């Protein structure tokens, strides 16, 4: 199985829809072997996703995708992980969830400079800005504000 070859075959199909690959990885779920491909988009029409999936699947050979594996193609969705400084920088202005020793909850990411995260939070009806060191944040993801 060749994940890089799969990536090369999928890119031109996604380019026509203005989509990009977020990740390609192997996983096991309920005893099944799966190639999980996540597209970097908040939302995608199920019909469009199906067309992409079928066209991609037809382009694959047994050298690309082992017959013992299932192919799972889906979108990353609105709540996506923030795992590094680059994704955090891209998320400035977004509503996020953050867990750290100082604060655990949601807020608007105001800025990220010099490894300092500035988050605007609602503290019992009062909005205030807090600063958290990047290395102190154990978990972050974009979030949906209700």
N, C-alpha and C. Protein backbone atom coordinates (compact mmCIF):
# COMPACT_ATOMS: atom_id res chain seq x y z
N UNK A 1 0.85 -1.18 0.00
CA UNK A 1 0.00 0.00 0.00
C UNK A 1 0.90 1.24 0.00
N UNK A 2 0.47 2.25 -0.76
CA UNK A 2 1.30 3.44 -0.91
C UNK A 2 0.46 4.69 -0.66
N UNK A 3 0.55 5.23 0.56
CA UNK A 3 -0.25 6.41 0.93
C UNK A 3 0.16 7.64 0.13
N UNK A 4 1.44 7.76 -0.18
CA UNK A 4 1.90 8.92 -0.95
C UNK A 4 1.34 8.88 -2.36
N UNK A 5 1.28 7.71 -2.95
CA UNK A 5 0.71 7.55 -4.28
C UNK A 5 -0.80 7.89 -4.25
N UNK A 6 -1.46 7.48 -3.17
CA UNK A 6 -2.89 7.80 -3.01
C UNK A 6 -3.06 9.31 -2.96
N UNK A 7 -2.20 9.98 -2.22
CA UNK A 7 -2.25 11.45 -2.09
C UNK A 7 -2.11 12.10 -3.47
N UNK A 8 -1.13 11.63 -4.26
CA UNK A 8 -0.89 12.19 -5.59
C UNK A 8 -2.08 11.99 -6.52
N UNK A 9 -2.79 10.89 -6.38
CA UNK A 9 -3.96 10.63 -7.23
C UNK A 9 -5.18 11.45 -6.79
N UNK A 10 -5.26 11.75 -5.50
CA UNK A 10 -6.43 12.47 -4.97
C UNK A 10 -6.33 13.98 -5.21
N UNK A 11 -5.14 14.54 -5.17
CA UNK A 11 -4.97 15.99 -5.29
C UNK A 11 -5.64 16.58 -6.54
N UNK A 12 -5.43 16.03 -7.74
CA UNK A 12 -6.08 16.63 -8.92
C UNK A 12 -7.61 16.56 -8.87
N UNK A 13 -8.14 15.52 -8.25
CA UNK A 13 -9.60 15.38 -8.11
C UNK A 13 -10.12 16.48 -7.18
N UNK A 14 -9.40 16.72 -6.08
CA UNK A 14 -9.82 17.74 -5.11
C UNK A 14 -9.63 19.15 -5.65
N UNK A 15 -8.59 19.35 -6.46
CA UNK A 15 -8.32 20.68 -7.02
C UNK A 15 -9.52 21.22 -7.79
N UNK A 16 -10.25 20.36 -8.48
CA UNK A 16 -11.43 20.81 -9.25
C UNK A 16 -12.53 21.37 -8.36
N UNK A 17 -12.54 20.94 -7.09
CA UNK A 17 -13.55 21.43 -6.15
C UNK A 17 -12.98 22.45 -5.17
N UNK A 18 -11.72 22.79 -5.33
CA UNK A 18 -11.08 23.75 -4.43
C UNK A 18 -10.85 23.20 -3.04
N UNK A 19 -10.67 21.89 -2.93
CA UNK A 19 -10.48 21.24 -1.63
C UNK A 19 -9.04 20.79 -1.47
N UNK A 20 -8.65 20.57 -0.21
CA UNK A 20 -7.31 20.09 0.11
C UNK A 20 -7.38 18.94 1.09
N UNK A 21 -6.32 18.15 1.12
CA UNK A 21 -6.21 17.04 2.07
C UNK A 21 -5.71 17.58 3.40
N UNK A 22 -6.38 17.21 4.49
CA UNK A 22 -5.90 17.55 5.83
C UNK A 22 -4.94 16.47 6.33
N UNK A 23 -5.38 15.20 6.21
CA UNK A 23 -4.52 14.10 6.65
C UNK A 23 -4.92 12.80 5.97
N UNK A 24 -3.94 11.93 5.86
CA UNK A 24 -4.16 10.55 5.41
C UNK A 24 -3.45 9.66 6.41
N UNK A 25 -4.19 8.71 6.99
CA UNK A 25 -3.55 7.82 7.97
C UNK A 25 -4.24 6.46 7.99
N UNK A 26 -3.53 5.50 8.51
CA UNK A 26 -4.07 4.16 8.70
C UNK A 26 -4.61 4.06 10.12
N UNK A 27 -5.72 3.36 10.27
CA UNK A 27 -6.26 3.15 11.61
C UNK A 27 -7.00 1.83 11.66
N UNK A 28 -7.24 1.37 12.87
CA UNK A 28 -8.04 0.17 13.10
C UNK A 28 -9.24 0.57 13.93
N UNK A 29 -10.40 0.13 13.50
CA UNK A 29 -11.63 0.45 14.22
C UNK A 29 -12.53 -0.78 14.19
N UNK A 30 -12.90 -1.26 15.37
CA UNK A 30 -13.75 -2.45 15.48
C UNK A 30 -13.18 -3.63 14.69
N UNK A 31 -11.86 -3.78 14.74
CA UNK A 31 -11.20 -4.88 14.07
C UNK A 31 -10.99 -4.71 12.58
N UNK A 32 -11.46 -3.62 12.01
CA UNK A 32 -11.33 -3.37 10.58
C UNK A 32 -10.14 -2.46 10.32
N UNK A 33 -9.44 -2.72 9.21
CA UNK A 33 -8.32 -1.88 8.80
C UNK A 33 -8.85 -0.80 7.85
N UNK A 34 -8.50 0.45 8.13
CA UNK A 34 -9.08 1.58 7.41
C UNK A 34 -7.99 2.57 7.00
N UNK A 35 -8.12 3.09 5.78
CA UNK A 35 -7.33 4.24 5.36
C UNK A 35 -8.27 5.44 5.52
N UNK A 36 -7.95 6.32 6.46
CA UNK A 36 -8.79 7.49 6.74
C UNK A 36 -8.19 8.71 6.05
N UNK A 37 -9.00 9.33 5.19
CA UNK A 37 -8.59 10.55 4.52
C UNK A 37 -9.55 11.66 4.94
N UNK A 38 -9.00 12.71 5.56
CA UNK A 38 -9.82 13.84 5.99
C UNK A 38 -9.53 15.02 5.07
N UNK A 39 -10.59 15.65 4.59
CA UNK A 39 -10.48 16.83 3.73
C UNK A 39 -10.55 18.08 4.59
N UNK A 40 -9.77 19.07 4.24
CA UNK A 40 -9.70 20.31 5.01
C UNK A 40 -10.82 21.26 4.60
N UNK A 41 -12.01 20.98 5.11
CA UNK A 41 -13.17 21.83 4.86
C UNK A 41 -14.14 21.69 6.03
N UNK A 42 -14.83 22.78 6.34
CA UNK A 42 -15.81 22.73 7.43
C UNK A 42 -17.03 21.92 7.03
N UNK A 43 -17.50 22.16 5.82
CA UNK A 43 -18.69 21.46 5.33
C UNK A 43 -18.50 21.07 3.88
N UNK A 44 -19.16 20.00 3.49
CA UNK A 44 -19.16 19.56 2.11
C UNK A 44 -20.47 18.84 1.85
N UNK A 45 -21.04 19.07 0.71
CA UNK A 45 -22.28 18.43 0.31
C UNK A 45 -22.02 16.93 0.17
N UNK A 46 -22.91 16.10 0.70
CA UNK A 46 -22.73 14.65 0.67
C UNK A 46 -22.65 14.12 -0.76
N UNK A 47 -23.40 14.74 -1.69
CA UNK A 47 -23.34 14.30 -3.09
C UNK A 47 -21.98 14.59 -3.70
N UNK A 48 -21.41 15.75 -3.38
CA UNK A 48 -20.08 16.10 -3.89
C UNK A 48 -19.02 15.16 -3.31
N UNK A 49 -19.14 14.86 -2.02
CA UNK A 49 -18.20 13.95 -1.37
C UNK A 49 -18.28 12.56 -2.01
N UNK A 50 -19.49 12.11 -2.31
CA UNK A 50 -19.66 10.80 -2.93
C UNK A 50 -19.02 10.75 -4.32
N UNK A 51 -19.20 11.82 -5.10
CA UNK A 51 -18.59 11.88 -6.44
C UNK A 51 -17.07 11.81 -6.34
N UNK A 52 -16.50 12.56 -5.41
CA UNK A 52 -15.05 12.55 -5.21
C UNK A 52 -14.59 11.16 -4.79
N UNK A 53 -15.32 10.57 -3.84
CA UNK A 53 -14.97 9.25 -3.33
C UNK A 53 -14.98 8.21 -4.45
N UNK A 54 -16.02 8.20 -5.28
CA UNK A 54 -16.12 7.22 -6.37
C UNK A 54 -15.03 7.42 -7.41
N UNK A 55 -14.79 8.66 -7.81
CA UNK A 55 -13.75 8.93 -8.80
C UNK A 55 -12.37 8.52 -8.26
N UNK A 56 -12.13 8.83 -7.00
CA UNK A 56 -10.85 8.47 -6.38
C UNK A 56 -10.70 6.96 -6.28
N UNK A 57 -11.74 6.30 -5.84
CA UNK A 57 -11.70 4.85 -5.68
C UNK A 57 -11.42 4.16 -7.02
N UNK A 58 -12.01 4.67 -8.10
CA UNK A 58 -11.79 4.09 -9.43
C UNK A 58 -10.35 4.27 -9.90
N UNK A 59 -9.67 5.30 -9.42
CA UNK A 59 -8.30 5.57 -9.86
C UNK A 59 -7.27 4.70 -9.13
N UNK A 60 -7.69 4.03 -8.05
CA UNK A 60 -6.75 3.27 -7.22
C UNK A 60 -6.55 1.84 -7.74
N UNK A 61 -5.33 1.35 -7.56
CA UNK A 61 -5.01 -0.05 -7.87
C UNK A 61 -4.75 -0.78 -6.55
N UNK A 62 -4.55 -2.10 -6.63
CA UNK A 62 -4.23 -2.87 -5.42
C UNK A 62 -2.89 -2.45 -4.83
N UNK A 63 -2.00 -1.87 -5.66
CA UNK A 63 -0.72 -1.37 -5.14
C UNK A 63 -0.93 -0.11 -4.29
N UNK A 64 -1.95 0.68 -4.64
CA UNK A 64 -2.26 1.89 -3.89
C UNK A 64 -3.01 1.57 -2.60
N UNK A 65 -4.05 0.76 -2.72
CA UNK A 65 -4.92 0.44 -1.58
C UNK A 65 -5.02 -1.07 -1.44
N UNK A 66 -4.48 -1.58 -0.37
CA UNK A 66 -4.54 -3.01 -0.08
C UNK A 66 -6.01 -3.44 0.00
N UNK A 67 -6.39 -4.54 -0.66
CA UNK A 67 -7.80 -4.98 -0.65
C UNK A 67 -8.35 -5.30 0.74
N UNK A 68 -7.46 -5.48 1.72
CA UNK A 68 -7.90 -5.75 3.10
C UNK A 68 -8.32 -4.49 3.85
N UNK A 69 -8.14 -3.31 3.21
CA UNK A 69 -8.46 -2.04 3.86
C UNK A 69 -9.71 -1.41 3.28
N UNK A 70 -10.45 -0.74 4.15
CA UNK A 70 -11.58 0.08 3.73
C UNK A 70 -11.07 1.50 3.50
N UNK A 71 -11.71 2.21 2.59
CA UNK A 71 -11.36 3.60 2.33
C UNK A 71 -12.43 4.48 2.96
N UNK A 72 -12.01 5.40 3.82
CA UNK A 72 -12.93 6.32 4.50
C UNK A 72 -12.52 7.74 4.11
N UNK A 73 -13.39 8.43 3.41
CA UNK A 73 -13.14 9.80 2.96
C UNK A 73 -14.20 10.70 3.58
N UNK A 74 -13.76 11.70 4.35
CA UNK A 74 -14.72 12.60 4.98
C UNK A 74 -14.08 13.96 5.22
N UNK A 75 -14.90 14.91 5.67
CA UNK A 75 -14.38 16.25 5.95
C UNK A 75 -13.95 16.33 7.41
N UNK A 76 -13.04 17.23 7.66
CA UNK A 76 -12.55 17.44 9.01
C UNK A 76 -13.65 18.01 9.91
N UNK A 77 -14.51 18.83 9.34
CA UNK A 77 -15.62 19.40 10.11
C UNK A 77 -15.27 20.73 10.74
N UNK A 78 -16.22 21.27 11.46
CA UNK A 78 -16.06 22.60 12.05
C UNK A 78 -15.16 22.59 13.28
N UNK A 79 -15.19 21.51 14.05
CA UNK A 79 -14.35 21.43 15.24
C UNK A 79 -13.11 20.62 14.89
N UNK A 80 -12.04 21.33 14.61
CA UNK A 80 -10.81 20.68 14.18
C UNK A 80 -9.72 20.88 15.21
N UNK A 81 -8.83 19.91 15.36
CA UNK A 81 -7.75 20.04 16.34
C UNK A 81 -6.77 21.15 15.98
N UNK A 82 -6.25 21.78 16.99
CA UNK A 82 -5.17 22.76 16.83
C UNK A 82 -3.96 22.10 17.50
N UNK A 83 -3.02 21.65 16.68
CA UNK A 83 -1.93 20.84 17.22
C UNK A 83 -0.57 21.50 17.19
N UNK A 84 -0.45 22.62 16.48
CA UNK A 84 0.87 23.25 16.39
C UNK A 84 0.71 24.76 16.27
N UNK A 85 1.82 25.45 16.27
CA UNK A 85 1.82 26.91 16.23
C UNK A 85 1.21 27.44 14.93
N UNK A 86 1.47 26.74 13.82
CA UNK A 86 0.93 27.18 12.53
C UNK A 86 -0.60 27.13 12.52
N UNK A 87 -1.18 26.01 13.02
CA UNK A 87 -2.65 25.93 13.05
C UNK A 87 -3.26 26.93 14.02
N UNK A 88 -2.53 27.23 15.10
CA UNK A 88 -3.02 28.21 16.06
C UNK A 88 -3.01 29.60 15.43
N UNK A 89 -1.97 29.92 14.68
CA UNK A 89 -1.90 31.22 13.99
C UNK A 89 -3.05 31.36 13.01
N UNK A 90 -3.35 30.29 12.28
CA UNK A 90 -4.47 30.32 11.32
C UNK A 90 -5.82 30.50 12.02
N UNK A 91 -5.90 30.09 13.28
CA UNK A 91 -7.17 30.13 14.02
C UNK A 91 -7.42 31.47 14.70
N UNK A 92 -6.49 32.42 14.61
CA UNK A 92 -6.70 33.73 15.25
C UNK A 92 -8.00 34.33 14.72
N UNK A 93 -8.83 34.80 15.65
CA UNK A 93 -10.15 35.35 15.31
C UNK A 93 -11.25 34.32 15.46
N UNK A 94 -10.87 33.05 15.65
CA UNK A 94 -11.86 31.97 15.77
C UNK A 94 -12.21 31.71 17.23
N UNK A 95 -13.33 31.04 17.40
CA UNK A 95 -13.78 30.59 18.70
C UNK A 95 -13.13 29.23 18.93
N UNK A 96 -12.43 29.05 20.05
CA UNK A 96 -11.71 27.81 20.29
C UNK A 96 -11.98 27.25 21.69
N UNK A 97 -11.66 25.97 21.87
CA UNK A 97 -11.63 25.33 23.18
C UNK A 97 -10.16 25.17 23.52
N UNK A 98 -9.80 25.45 24.76
CA UNK A 98 -8.43 25.35 25.22
C UNK A 98 -8.41 24.76 26.62
N UNK A 99 -7.48 23.84 26.86
CA UNK A 99 -7.29 23.29 28.20
C UNK A 99 -5.86 23.56 28.63
N UNK A 100 -5.72 24.15 29.82
CA UNK A 100 -4.40 24.44 30.40
C UNK A 100 -4.57 24.45 31.92
N UNK A 101 -3.46 24.49 32.66
CA UNK A 101 -3.59 24.59 34.12
C UNK A 101 -4.30 25.87 34.56
N UNK A 102 -4.17 26.94 33.77
CA UNK A 102 -4.75 28.24 34.14
C UNK A 102 -6.23 28.34 33.76
N UNK A 103 -6.62 27.71 32.65
CA UNK A 103 -7.99 27.86 32.15
C UNK A 103 -8.38 26.65 31.30
N UNK A 104 -9.62 26.22 31.46
CA UNK A 104 -10.17 25.16 30.61
C UNK A 104 -11.55 25.61 30.19
N UNK A 105 -11.70 25.85 28.87
CA UNK A 105 -13.00 26.29 28.36
C UNK A 105 -12.86 26.91 26.99
N UNK A 106 -13.87 27.67 26.60
CA UNK A 106 -13.90 28.26 25.27
C UNK A 106 -13.72 29.77 25.33
N UNK A 107 -13.32 30.31 24.19
CA UNK A 107 -13.15 31.75 24.08
C UNK A 107 -12.74 32.11 22.67
N UNK A 108 -12.65 33.39 22.40
CA UNK A 108 -12.21 33.86 21.09
C UNK A 108 -10.71 34.07 21.13
N UNK A 109 -10.01 33.47 20.17
CA UNK A 109 -8.56 33.62 20.08
C UNK A 109 -8.26 34.99 19.50
N UNK A 110 -7.78 35.89 20.33
CA UNK A 110 -7.50 37.27 19.94
C UNK A 110 -6.17 37.37 19.20
N UNK A 111 -5.14 36.72 19.76
CA UNK A 111 -3.83 36.78 19.11
C UNK A 111 -2.96 35.63 19.57
N UNK A 112 -1.91 35.40 18.80
CA UNK A 112 -0.88 34.43 19.17
C UNK A 112 0.45 34.96 18.69
N UNK A 113 1.22 35.51 19.62
CA UNK A 113 2.53 36.08 19.31
C UNK A 113 3.50 35.74 20.42
N UNK A 114 4.76 35.47 20.03
CA UNK A 114 5.82 35.15 20.98
C UNK A 114 5.42 34.03 21.94
N UNK A 115 4.73 33.03 21.40
CA UNK A 115 4.27 31.85 22.15
C UNK A 115 3.26 32.18 23.26
N UNK A 116 2.62 33.34 23.17
CA UNK A 116 1.58 33.72 24.13
C UNK A 116 0.23 33.73 23.42
N UNK A 117 -0.70 32.96 23.96
CA UNK A 117 -2.07 32.88 23.45
C UNK A 117 -2.90 33.91 24.22
N UNK A 118 -3.56 34.80 23.50
CA UNK A 118 -4.47 35.75 24.15
C UNK A 118 -5.88 35.32 23.78
N UNK A 119 -6.65 35.00 24.79
CA UNK A 119 -8.00 34.48 24.63
C UNK A 119 -8.98 35.40 25.34
N UNK A 120 -10.07 35.77 24.65
CA UNK A 120 -11.13 36.54 25.29
C UNK A 120 -12.19 35.56 25.74
N UNK A 121 -12.46 35.56 27.05
CA UNK A 121 -13.42 34.62 27.62
C UNK A 121 -14.56 35.36 28.31
N UNK A 122 -15.65 34.65 28.48
CA UNK A 122 -16.80 35.18 29.20
C UNK A 122 -16.76 34.59 30.61
N UNK A 123 -16.38 35.41 31.56
CA UNK A 123 -16.28 34.98 32.95
C UNK A 123 -17.49 35.48 33.73
N UNK A 124 -18.52 34.66 33.80
CA UNK A 124 -19.77 34.99 34.50
C UNK A 124 -20.37 36.31 34.03
N UNK A 125 -20.45 36.46 32.71
CA UNK A 125 -21.08 37.64 32.14
C UNK A 125 -20.14 38.80 31.86
N UNK A 126 -18.90 38.67 32.29
CA UNK A 126 -17.91 39.72 32.03
C UNK A 126 -16.85 39.18 31.07
N UNK A 127 -16.62 39.93 30.01
CA UNK A 127 -15.60 39.53 29.05
C UNK A 127 -14.24 40.03 29.52
N UNK A 128 -13.28 39.12 29.50
CA UNK A 128 -11.93 39.53 29.87
C UNK A 128 -10.93 38.74 29.02
N UNK A 129 -9.74 39.30 28.91
CA UNK A 129 -8.67 38.67 28.13
C UNK A 129 -7.69 38.00 29.09
N UNK A 130 -7.33 36.77 28.72
CA UNK A 130 -6.33 36.05 29.51
C UNK A 130 -5.18 35.65 28.59
N UNK A 131 -4.01 35.52 29.20
CA UNK A 131 -2.83 35.09 28.46
C UNK A 131 -2.39 33.73 28.95
N UNK A 132 -2.08 32.85 27.99
CA UNK A 132 -1.66 31.49 28.30
C UNK A 132 -0.44 31.17 27.44
N UNK A 133 0.58 30.58 28.05
CA UNK A 133 1.76 30.17 27.29
C UNK A 133 1.39 28.98 26.40
N UNK A 134 1.90 28.98 25.18
CA UNK A 134 1.61 27.90 24.24
C UNK A 134 1.94 26.54 24.84
N UNK A 135 3.08 26.42 25.49
CA UNK A 135 3.51 25.14 26.06
C UNK A 135 2.62 24.67 27.21
N UNK A 136 1.84 25.57 27.80
CA UNK A 136 0.93 25.18 28.88
C UNK A 136 -0.41 24.66 28.36
N UNK A 137 -0.70 24.87 27.10
CA UNK A 137 -1.97 24.41 26.52
C UNK A 137 -1.84 22.93 26.17
N UNK A 138 -2.62 22.10 26.86
CA UNK A 138 -2.51 20.66 26.63
C UNK A 138 -3.45 20.18 25.52
N UNK A 139 -4.52 20.91 25.28
CA UNK A 139 -5.47 20.52 24.26
C UNK A 139 -6.13 21.78 23.69
N UNK A 140 -6.20 21.85 22.35
CA UNK A 140 -6.88 22.97 21.70
C UNK A 140 -7.61 22.46 20.47
N UNK A 141 -8.74 23.08 20.17
CA UNK A 141 -9.48 22.78 18.95
C UNK A 141 -10.39 23.96 18.65
N UNK A 142 -10.74 24.11 17.37
CA UNK A 142 -11.74 25.12 17.05
C UNK A 142 -13.06 24.64 17.61
N UNK A 143 -13.96 25.56 17.83
CA UNK A 143 -15.23 25.22 18.46
C UNK A 143 -16.36 26.01 17.79
N UNK A 144 -17.56 25.58 18.07
CA UNK A 144 -18.74 26.26 17.54
C UNK A 144 -19.38 27.04 18.66
N UNK A 145 -19.69 28.29 18.41
CA UNK A 145 -20.30 29.16 19.42
C UNK A 145 -21.82 29.12 19.26
N UNK A 146 -22.50 28.77 20.33
CA UNK A 146 -23.97 28.71 20.30
C UNK A 146 -24.57 29.94 20.93
